[in-house]
mmCIF file of all heavy atoms, coordinates in Angstrom:
data_MODEL
# 
_entry.id   MODEL 
# 
loop_
_atom_site.group_PDB 
_atom_site.id 
_atom_site.type_symbol 
_atom_site.label_atom_id 
_atom_site.label_alt_id 
_atom_site.label_comp_id 
_atom_site.label_asym_id 
_atom_site.label_entity_id 
_atom_site.label_seq_id 
_atom_site.pdbx_PDB_ins_code 
_atom_site.Cartn_x 
_atom_site.Cartn_y 
_atom_site.Cartn_z 
_atom_site.occupancy 
_atom_site.B_iso_or_equiv 
_atom_site.pdbx_formal_charge 
_atom_site.auth_seq_id 
_atom_site.auth_comp_id 
_atom_site.auth_asym_id 
_atom_site.auth_atom_id 
_atom_site.pdbx_PDB_model_num 
ATOM 1   N N   . ILE A 1 1  ? -2.512  3.060   -12.722 1.00 0.00 ? 1  ILE A N   1 
ATOM 2   C CA  . ILE A 1 1  ? -2.131  4.215   -11.899 1.00 0.00 ? 1  ILE A CA  1 
ATOM 3   C C   . ILE A 1 1  ? -0.811  3.912   -11.220 1.00 0.00 ? 1  ILE A C   1 
ATOM 4   O O   . ILE A 1 1  ? -0.562  2.792   -10.734 1.00 0.00 ? 1  ILE A O   1 
ATOM 5   C CB  . ILE A 1 1  ? -3.231  4.502   -10.826 1.00 0.00 ? 1  ILE A CB  1 
ATOM 6   C CG1 . ILE A 1 1  ? -4.572  4.773   -11.519 1.00 0.00 ? 1  ILE A CG1 1 
ATOM 7   C CG2 . ILE A 1 1  ? -2.821  5.697   -9.962  1.00 0.00 ? 1  ILE A CG2 1 
ATOM 8   C CD1 . ILE A 1 1  ? -5.723  4.899   -10.578 1.00 0.00 ? 1  ILE A CD1 1 
ATOM 9   N N   . ARG A 1 2  ? 0.057   4.910   -11.148 1.00 0.00 ? 2  ARG A N   1 
ATOM 10  C CA  . ARG A 1 2  ? 1.361   4.765   -10.488 1.00 0.00 ? 2  ARG A CA  1 
ATOM 11  C C   . ARG A 1 2  ? 1.394   5.701   -9.271  1.00 0.00 ? 2  ARG A C   1 
ATOM 12  O O   . ARG A 1 2  ? 0.989   6.857   -9.324  1.00 0.00 ? 2  ARG A O   1 
ATOM 13  C CB  . ARG A 1 2  ? 2.477   5.117   -11.460 1.00 0.00 ? 2  ARG A CB  1 
ATOM 14  C CG  . ARG A 1 2  ? 2.522   4.199   -12.687 1.00 0.00 ? 2  ARG A CG  1 
ATOM 15  C CD  . ARG A 1 2  ? 3.537   4.706   -13.702 1.00 0.00 ? 2  ARG A CD  1 
ATOM 16  N NE  . ARG A 1 2  ? 3.568   3.843   -14.911 1.00 0.00 ? 2  ARG A NE  1 
ATOM 17  C CZ  . ARG A 1 2  ? 2.712   3.970   -15.932 1.00 0.00 ? 2  ARG A CZ  1 
ATOM 18  N NH1 . ARG A 1 2  ? 1.772   4.901   -15.874 1.00 0.00 ? 2  ARG A NH1 1 
ATOM 19  N NH2 . ARG A 1 2  ? 2.792   3.168   -16.949 1.00 0.00 ? 2  ARG A NH2 1 
ATOM 20  N N   . CYS A 1 3  ? 1.961   5.181   -8.224  1.00 0.00 ? 3  CYS A N   1 
ATOM 21  C CA  . CYS A 1 3  ? 2.103   5.991   -7.000  1.00 0.00 ? 3  CYS A CA  1 
ATOM 22  C C   . CYS A 1 3  ? 3.141   5.294   -6.117  1.00 0.00 ? 3  CYS A C   1 
ATOM 23  O O   . CYS A 1 3  ? 3.575   4.183   -6.398  1.00 0.00 ? 3  CYS A O   1 
ATOM 24  C CB  . CYS A 1 3  ? 0.788   6.150   -6.255  1.00 0.00 ? 3  CYS A CB  1 
ATOM 25  S SG  . CYS A 1 3  ? 0.178   4.617   -5.513  1.00 0.00 ? 3  CYS A SG  1 
ATOM 26  N N   . THR A 1 4  ? 3.557   5.996   -5.082  1.00 0.00 ? 4  THR A N   1 
ATOM 27  C CA  . THR A 1 4  ? 4.496   5.365   -4.119  1.00 0.00 ? 4  THR A CA  1 
ATOM 28  C C   . THR A 1 4  ? 3.734   4.394   -3.213  1.00 0.00 ? 4  THR A C   1 
ATOM 29  O O   . THR A 1 4  ? 2.504   4.475   -3.085  1.00 0.00 ? 4  THR A O   1 
ATOM 30  C CB  . THR A 1 4  ? 5.182   6.428   -3.266  1.00 0.00 ? 4  THR A CB  1 
ATOM 31  O OG1 . THR A 1 4  ? 4.209   7.115   -2.478  1.00 0.00 ? 4  THR A OG1 1 
ATOM 32  C CG2 . THR A 1 4  ? 5.916   7.446   -4.158  1.00 0.00 ? 4  THR A CG2 1 
ATOM 33  N N   . ILE A 1 5  ? 4.474   3.521   -2.589  1.00 0.00 ? 5  ILE A N   1 
ATOM 34  C CA  . ILE A 1 5  ? 3.848   2.582   -1.644  1.00 0.00 ? 5  ILE A CA  1 
ATOM 35  C C   . ILE A 1 5  ? 3.220   3.318   -0.482  1.00 0.00 ? 5  ILE A C   1 
ATOM 36  O O   . ILE A 1 5  ? 2.143   2.953   0.003   1.00 0.00 ? 5  ILE A O   1 
ATOM 37  C CB  . ILE A 1 5  ? 4.882   1.548   -1.154  1.00 0.00 ? 5  ILE A CB  1 
ATOM 38  C CG1 . ILE A 1 5  ? 5.377   0.693   -2.339  1.00 0.00 ? 5  ILE A CG1 1 
ATOM 39  C CG2 . ILE A 1 5  ? 4.332   0.679   -0.037  1.00 0.00 ? 5  ILE A CG2 1 
ATOM 40  C CD1 . ILE A 1 5  ? 6.447   -0.323  -1.958  1.00 0.00 ? 5  ILE A CD1 1 
ATOM 41  N N   . GLU A 1 6  ? 3.839   4.406   -0.053  1.00 0.00 ? 6  GLU A N   1 
ATOM 42  C CA  . GLU A 1 6  ? 3.274   5.208   1.020   1.00 0.00 ? 6  GLU A CA  1 
ATOM 43  C C   . GLU A 1 6  ? 1.919   5.790   0.614   1.00 0.00 ? 6  GLU A C   1 
ATOM 44  O O   . GLU A 1 6  ? 0.955   5.763   1.403   1.00 0.00 ? 6  GLU A O   1 
ATOM 45  C CB  . GLU A 1 6  ? 4.242   6.337   1.387   1.00 0.00 ? 6  GLU A CB  1 
ATOM 46  C CG  . GLU A 1 6  ? 3.795   7.188   2.565   1.00 0.00 ? 6  GLU A CG  1 
ATOM 47  C CD  . GLU A 1 6  ? 4.783   8.279   2.909   1.00 0.00 ? 6  GLU A CD  1 
ATOM 48  O OE1 . GLU A 1 6  ? 5.592   8.653   2.019   1.00 0.00 ? 6  GLU A OE1 1 
ATOM 49  O OE2 . GLU A 1 6  ? 4.744   8.764   4.050   1.00 0.00 ? 6  GLU A OE2 1 
ATOM 50  N N   . GLU A 1 7  ? 1.825   6.302   -0.621  1.00 0.00 ? 7  GLU A N   1 
ATOM 51  C CA  . GLU A 1 7  ? 0.546   6.824   -1.099  1.00 0.00 ? 7  GLU A CA  1 
ATOM 52  C C   . GLU A 1 7  ? -0.491  5.731   -1.237  1.00 0.00 ? 7  GLU A C   1 
ATOM 53  O O   . GLU A 1 7  ? -1.685  5.937   -0.946  1.00 0.00 ? 7  GLU A O   1 
ATOM 54  C CB  . GLU A 1 7  ? 0.757   7.525   -2.459  1.00 0.00 ? 7  GLU A CB  1 
ATOM 55  C CG  . GLU A 1 7  ? 1.555   8.813   -2.370  1.00 0.00 ? 7  GLU A CG  1 
ATOM 56  C CD  . GLU A 1 7  ? 1.855   9.395   -3.728  1.00 0.00 ? 7  GLU A CD  1 
ATOM 57  O OE1 . GLU A 1 7  ? 2.097   8.594   -4.676  1.00 0.00 ? 7  GLU A OE1 1 
ATOM 58  O OE2 . GLU A 1 7  ? 1.897   10.609  -3.861  1.00 0.00 ? 7  GLU A OE2 1 
ATOM 59  N N   . LEU A 1 8  ? -0.049  4.568   -1.697  1.00 0.00 ? 8  LEU A N   1 
ATOM 60  C CA  . LEU A 1 8  ? -0.974  3.427   -1.859  1.00 0.00 ? 8  LEU A CA  1 
ATOM 61  C C   . LEU A 1 8  ? -1.572  3.027   -0.524  1.00 0.00 ? 8  LEU A C   1 
ATOM 62  O O   . LEU A 1 8  ? -2.786  2.769   -0.428  1.00 0.00 ? 8  LEU A O   1 
ATOM 63  C CB  . LEU A 1 8  ? -0.240  2.244   -2.503  1.00 0.00 ? 8  LEU A CB  1 
ATOM 64  C CG  . LEU A 1 8  ? -1.088  1.035   -2.912  1.00 0.00 ? 8  LEU A CG  1 
ATOM 65  C CD1 . LEU A 1 8  ? -2.079  1.431   -3.980  1.00 0.00 ? 8  LEU A CD1 1 
ATOM 66  C CD2 . LEU A 1 8  ? -0.191  -0.092  -3.392  1.00 0.00 ? 8  LEU A CD2 1 
ATOM 67  N N   . ILE A 1 9  ? -0.763  3.019   0.498   1.00 0.00 ? 9  ILE A N   1 
ATOM 68  C CA  . ILE A 1 9  ? -1.276  2.662   1.827   1.00 0.00 ? 9  ILE A CA  1 
ATOM 69  C C   . ILE A 1 9  ? -2.227  3.731   2.359   1.00 0.00 ? 9  ILE A C   1 
ATOM 70  O O   . ILE A 1 9  ? -3.241  3.441   3.008   1.00 0.00 ? 9  ILE A O   1 
ATOM 71  C CB  . ILE A 1 9  ? -0.105  2.445   2.810   1.00 0.00 ? 9  ILE A CB  1 
ATOM 72  C CG1 . ILE A 1 9  ? 0.685   1.201   2.402   1.00 0.00 ? 9  ILE A CG1 1 
ATOM 73  C CG2 . ILE A 1 9  ? -0.588  2.353   4.238   1.00 0.00 ? 9  ILE A CG2 1 
ATOM 74  C CD1 . ILE A 1 9  ? 1.946   0.961   3.236   1.00 0.00 ? 9  ILE A CD1 1 
ATOM 75  N N   . SER A 1 10 ? -1.917  5.007   2.065   1.00 0.00 ? 10 SER A N   1 
ATOM 76  C CA  . SER A 1 10 ? -2.796  6.083   2.526   1.00 0.00 ? 10 SER A CA  1 
ATOM 77  C C   . SER A 1 10 ? -4.168  6.032   1.837   1.00 0.00 ? 10 SER A C   1 
ATOM 78  O O   . SER A 1 10 ? -5.192  6.437   2.388   1.00 0.00 ? 10 SER A O   1 
ATOM 79  C CB  . SER A 1 10 ? -2.145  7.429   2.299   1.00 0.00 ? 10 SER A CB  1 
ATOM 80  O OG  . SER A 1 10 ? -2.014  7.731   0.905   1.00 0.00 ? 10 SER A OG  1 
ATOM 81  N N   . ARG A 1 11 ? -4.194  5.528   0.597   1.00 0.00 ? 11 ARG A N   1 
ATOM 82  C CA  . ARG A 1 11 ? -5.445  5.436   -0.146  1.00 0.00 ? 11 ARG A CA  1 
ATOM 83  C C   . ARG A 1 11 ? -6.273  4.220   0.303   1.00 0.00 ? 11 ARG A C   1 
ATOM 84  O O   . ARG A 1 11 ? -7.496  4.232   0.248   1.00 0.00 ? 11 ARG A O   1 
ATOM 85  C CB  . ARG A 1 11 ? -5.173  5.347   -1.636  1.00 0.00 ? 11 ARG A CB  1 
ATOM 86  C CG  . ARG A 1 11 ? -4.559  6.616   -2.213  1.00 0.00 ? 11 ARG A CG  1 
ATOM 87  C CD  . ARG A 1 11 ? -4.181  6.446   -3.685  1.00 0.00 ? 11 ARG A CD  1 
ATOM 88  N NE  . ARG A 1 11 ? -3.455  7.619   -4.194  1.00 0.00 ? 11 ARG A NE  1 
ATOM 89  C CZ  . ARG A 1 11 ? -2.995  7.743   -5.412  1.00 0.00 ? 11 ARG A CZ  1 
ATOM 90  N NH1 . ARG A 1 11 ? -3.170  6.753   -6.309  1.00 0.00 ? 11 ARG A NH1 1 
ATOM 91  N NH2 . ARG A 1 11 ? -2.332  8.810   -5.801  1.00 0.00 ? 11 ARG A NH2 1 
ATOM 92  N N   . PHE A 1 12 ? -5.557  3.160   0.722   1.00 0.00 ? 12 PHE A N   1 
ATOM 93  C CA  . PHE A 1 12 ? -6.251  1.940   1.137   1.00 0.00 ? 12 PHE A CA  1 
ATOM 94  C C   . PHE A 1 12 ? -5.664  1.485   2.497   1.00 0.00 ? 12 PHE A C   1 
ATOM 95  O O   . PHE A 1 12 ? -4.948  0.489   2.596   1.00 0.00 ? 12 PHE A O   1 
ATOM 96  C CB  . PHE A 1 12 ? -6.039  0.829   0.091   1.00 0.00 ? 12 PHE A CB  1 
ATOM 97  C CG  . PHE A 1 12 ? -6.420  1.229   -1.279  1.00 0.00 ? 12 PHE A CG  1 
ATOM 98  C CD1 . PHE A 1 12 ? -5.455  1.627   -2.224  1.00 0.00 ? 12 PHE A CD1 1 
ATOM 99  C CD2 . PHE A 1 12 ? -7.776  1.279   -1.674  1.00 0.00 ? 12 PHE A CD2 1 
ATOM 100 C CE1 . PHE A 1 12 ? -5.812  2.036   -3.487  1.00 0.00 ? 12 PHE A CE1 1 
ATOM 101 C CE2 . PHE A 1 12 ? -8.121  1.654   -2.949  1.00 0.00 ? 12 PHE A CE2 1 
ATOM 102 C CZ  . PHE A 1 12 ? -7.148  2.042   -3.880  1.00 0.00 ? 12 PHE A CZ  1 
ATOM 103 N N   . PRO A 1 13 ? -5.955  2.246   3.554   1.00 0.00 ? 13 PRO A N   1 
ATOM 104 C CA  . PRO A 1 13 ? -5.348  1.957   4.883   1.00 0.00 ? 13 PRO A CA  1 
ATOM 105 C C   . PRO A 1 13 ? -5.750  0.595   5.427   1.00 0.00 ? 13 PRO A C   1 
ATOM 106 O O   . PRO A 1 13 ? -4.987  0.010   6.216   1.00 0.00 ? 13 PRO A O   1 
ATOM 107 C CB  . PRO A 1 13 ? -5.861  3.112   5.748   1.00 0.00 ? 13 PRO A CB  1 
ATOM 108 C CG  . PRO A 1 13 ? -7.093  3.592   5.054   1.00 0.00 ? 13 PRO A CG  1 
ATOM 109 C CD  . PRO A 1 13 ? -6.848  3.413   3.606   1.00 0.00 ? 13 PRO A CD  1 
ATOM 110 N N   . LYS A 1 14 ? -6.918  0.076   5.070   1.00 0.00 ? 14 LYS A N   1 
ATOM 111 C CA  . LYS A 1 14 ? -7.349  -1.219  5.596   1.00 0.00 ? 14 LYS A CA  1 
ATOM 112 C C   . LYS A 1 14 ? -6.502  -2.360  5.042   1.00 0.00 ? 14 LYS A C   1 
ATOM 113 O O   . LYS A 1 14 ? -6.524  -3.474  5.585   1.00 0.00 ? 14 LYS A O   1 
ATOM 114 C CB  . LYS A 1 14 ? -8.826  -1.440  5.282   1.00 0.00 ? 14 LYS A CB  1 
ATOM 115 C CG  . LYS A 1 14 ? -9.773  -0.479  5.933   1.00 0.00 ? 14 LYS A CG  1 
ATOM 116 C CD  . LYS A 1 14 ? -11.203 -0.785  5.570   1.00 0.00 ? 14 LYS A CD  1 
ATOM 117 C CE  . LYS A 1 14 ? -12.174 0.224   6.208   1.00 0.00 ? 14 LYS A CE  1 
ATOM 118 N NZ  . LYS A 1 14 ? -13.584 -0.062  5.854   1.00 0.00 ? 14 LYS A NZ  1 
ATOM 119 N N   . LYS A 1 15 ? -5.786  -2.122  3.952   1.00 0.00 ? 15 LYS A N   1 
ATOM 120 C CA  . LYS A 1 15 ? -4.994  -3.147  3.323   1.00 0.00 ? 15 LYS A CA  1 
ATOM 121 C C   . LYS A 1 15 ? -3.504  -2.946  3.575   1.00 0.00 ? 15 LYS A C   1 
ATOM 122 O O   . LYS A 1 15 ? -2.674  -3.495  2.830   1.00 0.00 ? 15 LYS A O   1 
ATOM 123 C CB  . LYS A 1 15 ? -5.248  -3.175  1.816   1.00 0.00 ? 15 LYS A CB  1 
ATOM 124 C CG  . LYS A 1 15 ? -6.645  -3.578  1.414   1.00 0.00 ? 15 LYS A CG  1 
ATOM 125 C CD  . LYS A 1 15 ? -6.836  -5.072  1.643   1.00 0.00 ? 15 LYS A CD  1 
ATOM 126 C CE  . LYS A 1 15 ? -8.223  -5.521  1.194   1.00 0.00 ? 15 LYS A CE  1 
ATOM 127 N NZ  . LYS A 1 15 ? -8.377  -6.978  1.265   1.00 0.00 ? 15 LYS A NZ  1 
ATOM 128 N N   . GLU A 1 16 ? -3.140  -2.160  4.582   1.00 0.00 ? 16 GLU A N   1 
ATOM 129 C CA  . GLU A 1 16 ? -1.729  -1.858  4.807   1.00 0.00 ? 16 GLU A CA  1 
ATOM 130 C C   . GLU A 1 16 ? -0.878  -3.099  5.014   1.00 0.00 ? 16 GLU A C   1 
ATOM 131 O O   . GLU A 1 16 ? 0.174   -3.258  4.401   1.00 0.00 ? 16 GLU A O   1 
ATOM 132 C CB  . GLU A 1 16 ? -1.620  -0.928  6.034   1.00 0.00 ? 16 GLU A CB  1 
ATOM 133 C CG  . GLU A 1 16 ? -0.161  -0.580  6.366   1.00 0.00 ? 16 GLU A CG  1 
ATOM 134 C CD  . GLU A 1 16 ? -0.057  0.391   7.519   1.00 0.00 ? 16 GLU A CD  1 
ATOM 135 O OE1 . GLU A 1 16 ? -1.091  0.784   8.096   1.00 0.00 ? 16 GLU A OE1 1 
ATOM 136 O OE2 . GLU A 1 16 ? 1.099   0.760   7.871   1.00 0.00 ? 16 GLU A OE2 1 
ATOM 137 N N   . ALA A 1 17 ? -1.354  -4.027  5.819   1.00 0.00 ? 17 ALA A N   1 
ATOM 138 C CA  . ALA A 1 17 ? -0.582  -5.233  6.072   1.00 0.00 ? 17 ALA A CA  1 
ATOM 139 C C   . ALA A 1 17 ? -0.375  -6.053  4.821   1.00 0.00 ? 17 ALA A C   1 
ATOM 140 O O   . ALA A 1 17 ? 0.728   -6.560  4.552   1.00 0.00 ? 17 ALA A O   1 
ATOM 141 C CB  . ALA A 1 17 ? -1.276  -6.065  7.156   1.00 0.00 ? 17 ALA A CB  1 
ATOM 142 N N   . GLU A 1 18 ? -1.422  -6.194  4.023   1.00 0.00 ? 18 GLU A N   1 
ATOM 143 C CA  . GLU A 1 18 ? -1.330  -6.996  2.805   1.00 0.00 ? 18 GLU A CA  1 
ATOM 144 C C   . GLU A 1 18 ? -0.431  -6.309  1.757   1.00 0.00 ? 18 GLU A C   1 
ATOM 145 O O   . GLU A 1 18 ? 0.282   -6.974  1.018   1.00 0.00 ? 18 GLU A O   1 
ATOM 146 C CB  . GLU A 1 18 ? -2.733  -7.254  2.243   1.00 0.00 ? 18 GLU A CB  1 
ATOM 147 C CG  . GLU A 1 18 ? -3.588  -8.114  3.137   1.00 0.00 ? 18 GLU A CG  1 
ATOM 148 C CD  . GLU A 1 18 ? -4.968  -8.345  2.555   1.00 0.00 ? 18 GLU A CD  1 
ATOM 149 O OE1 . GLU A 1 18 ? -5.050  -8.856  1.418   1.00 0.00 ? 18 GLU A OE1 1 
ATOM 150 O OE2 . GLU A 1 18 ? -5.951  -7.982  3.228   1.00 0.00 ? 18 GLU A OE2 1 
ATOM 151 N N   . ILE A 1 19 ? -0.488  -4.972  1.708   1.00 0.00 ? 19 ILE A N   1 
ATOM 152 C CA  . ILE A 1 19 ? 0.346   -4.228  0.781   1.00 0.00 ? 19 ILE A CA  1 
ATOM 153 C C   . ILE A 1 19 ? 1.814   -4.406  1.129   1.00 0.00 ? 19 ILE A C   1 
ATOM 154 O O   . ILE A 1 19 ? 2.654   -4.687  0.263   1.00 0.00 ? 19 ILE A O   1 
ATOM 155 C CB  . ILE A 1 19 ? -0.044  -2.736  0.742   1.00 0.00 ? 19 ILE A CB  1 
ATOM 156 C CG1 . ILE A 1 19 ? -1.434  -2.562  0.155   1.00 0.00 ? 19 ILE A CG1 1 
ATOM 157 C CG2 . ILE A 1 19 ? 0.974   -1.926  -0.031  1.00 0.00 ? 19 ILE A CG2 1 
ATOM 158 C CD1 . ILE A 1 19 ? -1.970  -1.147  0.256   1.00 0.00 ? 19 ILE A CD1 1 
ATOM 159 N N   . LYS A 1 20 ? 2.119   -4.276  2.423   1.00 0.00 ? 20 LYS A N   1 
ATOM 160 C CA  . LYS A 1 20 ? 3.532   -4.425  2.848   1.00 0.00 ? 20 LYS A CA  1 
ATOM 161 C C   . LYS A 1 20 ? 4.012   -5.857  2.608   1.00 0.00 ? 20 LYS A C   1 
ATOM 162 O O   . LYS A 1 20 ? 5.147   -6.083  2.203   1.00 0.00 ? 20 LYS A O   1 
ATOM 163 C CB  . LYS A 1 20 ? 3.653   -4.071  4.305   1.00 0.00 ? 20 LYS A CB  1 
ATOM 164 C CG  . LYS A 1 20 ? 3.513   -2.549  4.596   1.00 0.00 ? 20 LYS A CG  1 
ATOM 165 C CD  . LYS A 1 20 ? 3.741   -2.257  6.061   1.00 0.00 ? 20 LYS A CD  1 
ATOM 166 C CE  . LYS A 1 20 ? 3.719   -0.767  6.312   1.00 0.00 ? 20 LYS A CE  1 
ATOM 167 N NZ  . LYS A 1 20 ? 3.936   -0.417  7.738   1.00 0.00 ? 20 LYS A NZ  1 
ATOM 168 N N   . GLN A 1 21 ? 3.149   -6.821  2.816   1.00 0.00 ? 21 GLN A N   1 
ATOM 169 C CA  . GLN A 1 21 ? 3.540   -8.185  2.591   1.00 0.00 ? 21 GLN A CA  1 
ATOM 170 C C   . GLN A 1 21 ? 3.769   -8.456  1.110   1.00 0.00 ? 21 GLN A C   1 
ATOM 171 O O   . GLN A 1 21 ? 4.719   -9.136  0.735   1.00 0.00 ? 21 GLN A O   1 
ATOM 172 C CB  . GLN A 1 21 ? 2.442   -9.129  3.119   1.00 0.00 ? 21 GLN A CB  1 
ATOM 173 C CG  . GLN A 1 21 ? 2.786   -10.603 2.935   1.00 0.00 ? 21 GLN A CG  1 
ATOM 174 C CD  . GLN A 1 21 ? 1.688   -11.518 3.465   1.00 0.00 ? 21 GLN A CD  1 
ATOM 175 O OE1 . GLN A 1 21 ? 0.661   -11.049 3.950   1.00 0.00 ? 21 GLN A OE1 1 
ATOM 176 N NE2 . GLN A 1 21 ? 1.886   -12.819 3.371   1.00 0.00 ? 21 GLN A NE2 1 
ATOM 177 N N   . ALA A 1 22 ? 2.909   -7.897  0.235   1.00 0.00 ? 22 ALA A N   1 
ATOM 178 C CA  . ALA A 1 22 ? 3.029   -8.092  -1.201  1.00 0.00 ? 22 ALA A CA  1 
ATOM 179 C C   . ALA A 1 22 ? 4.330   -7.521  -1.742  1.00 0.00 ? 22 ALA A C   1 
ATOM 180 O O   . ALA A 1 22 ? 4.983   -8.132  -2.608  1.00 0.00 ? 22 ALA A O   1 
ATOM 181 C CB  . ALA A 1 22 ? 1.837   -7.481  -1.932  1.00 0.00 ? 22 ALA A CB  1 
ATOM 182 N N   . PHE A 1 23 ? 4.741   -6.358  -1.213  1.00 0.00 ? 23 PHE A N   1 
ATOM 183 C CA  . PHE A 1 23 ? 5.947   -5.707  -1.708  1.00 0.00 ? 23 PHE A CA  1 
ATOM 184 C C   . PHE A 1 23 ? 7.166   -5.940  -0.805  1.00 0.00 ? 23 PHE A C   1 
ATOM 185 O O   . PHE A 1 23 ? 8.150   -5.205  -0.905  1.00 0.00 ? 23 PHE A O   1 
ATOM 186 C CB  . PHE A 1 23 ? 5.690   -4.211  -1.875  1.00 0.00 ? 23 PHE A CB  1 
ATOM 187 C CG  . PHE A 1 23 ? 4.698   -3.908  -2.969  1.00 0.00 ? 23 PHE A CG  1 
ATOM 188 C CD1 . PHE A 1 23 ? 3.398   -3.542  -2.623  1.00 0.00 ? 23 PHE A CD1 1 
ATOM 189 C CD2 . PHE A 1 23 ? 5.027   -3.985  -4.310  1.00 0.00 ? 23 PHE A CD2 1 
ATOM 190 C CE1 . PHE A 1 23 ? 2.451   -3.255  -3.617  1.00 0.00 ? 23 PHE A CE1 1 
ATOM 191 C CE2 . PHE A 1 23 ? 4.111   -3.700  -5.288  1.00 0.00 ? 23 PHE A CE2 1 
ATOM 192 C CZ  . PHE A 1 23 ? 2.813   -3.337  -4.961  1.00 0.00 ? 23 PHE A CZ  1 
ATOM 193 N N   . SER A 1 24 ? 7.049   -6.934  0.082   1.00 0.00 ? 24 SER A N   1 
ATOM 194 C CA  . SER A 1 24 ? 8.183   -7.363  0.947   1.00 0.00 ? 24 SER A CA  1 
ATOM 195 C C   . SER A 1 24 ? 8.738   -6.222  1.746   1.00 0.00 ? 24 SER A C   1 
ATOM 196 O O   . SER A 1 24 ? 9.961   -5.986  1.806   1.00 0.00 ? 24 SER A O   1 
ATOM 197 C CB  . SER A 1 24 ? 9.269   -7.995  0.058   1.00 0.00 ? 24 SER A CB  1 
ATOM 198 O OG  . SER A 1 24 ? 8.786   -9.109  -0.658  1.00 0.00 ? 24 SER A OG  1 
# 
């Protein structure tokens, strides 16, 4: 699945910090 980082965070809000860290 492809989406923007903003959409990814909205789908998995509990993982926001880890998502931002993974994608710098």
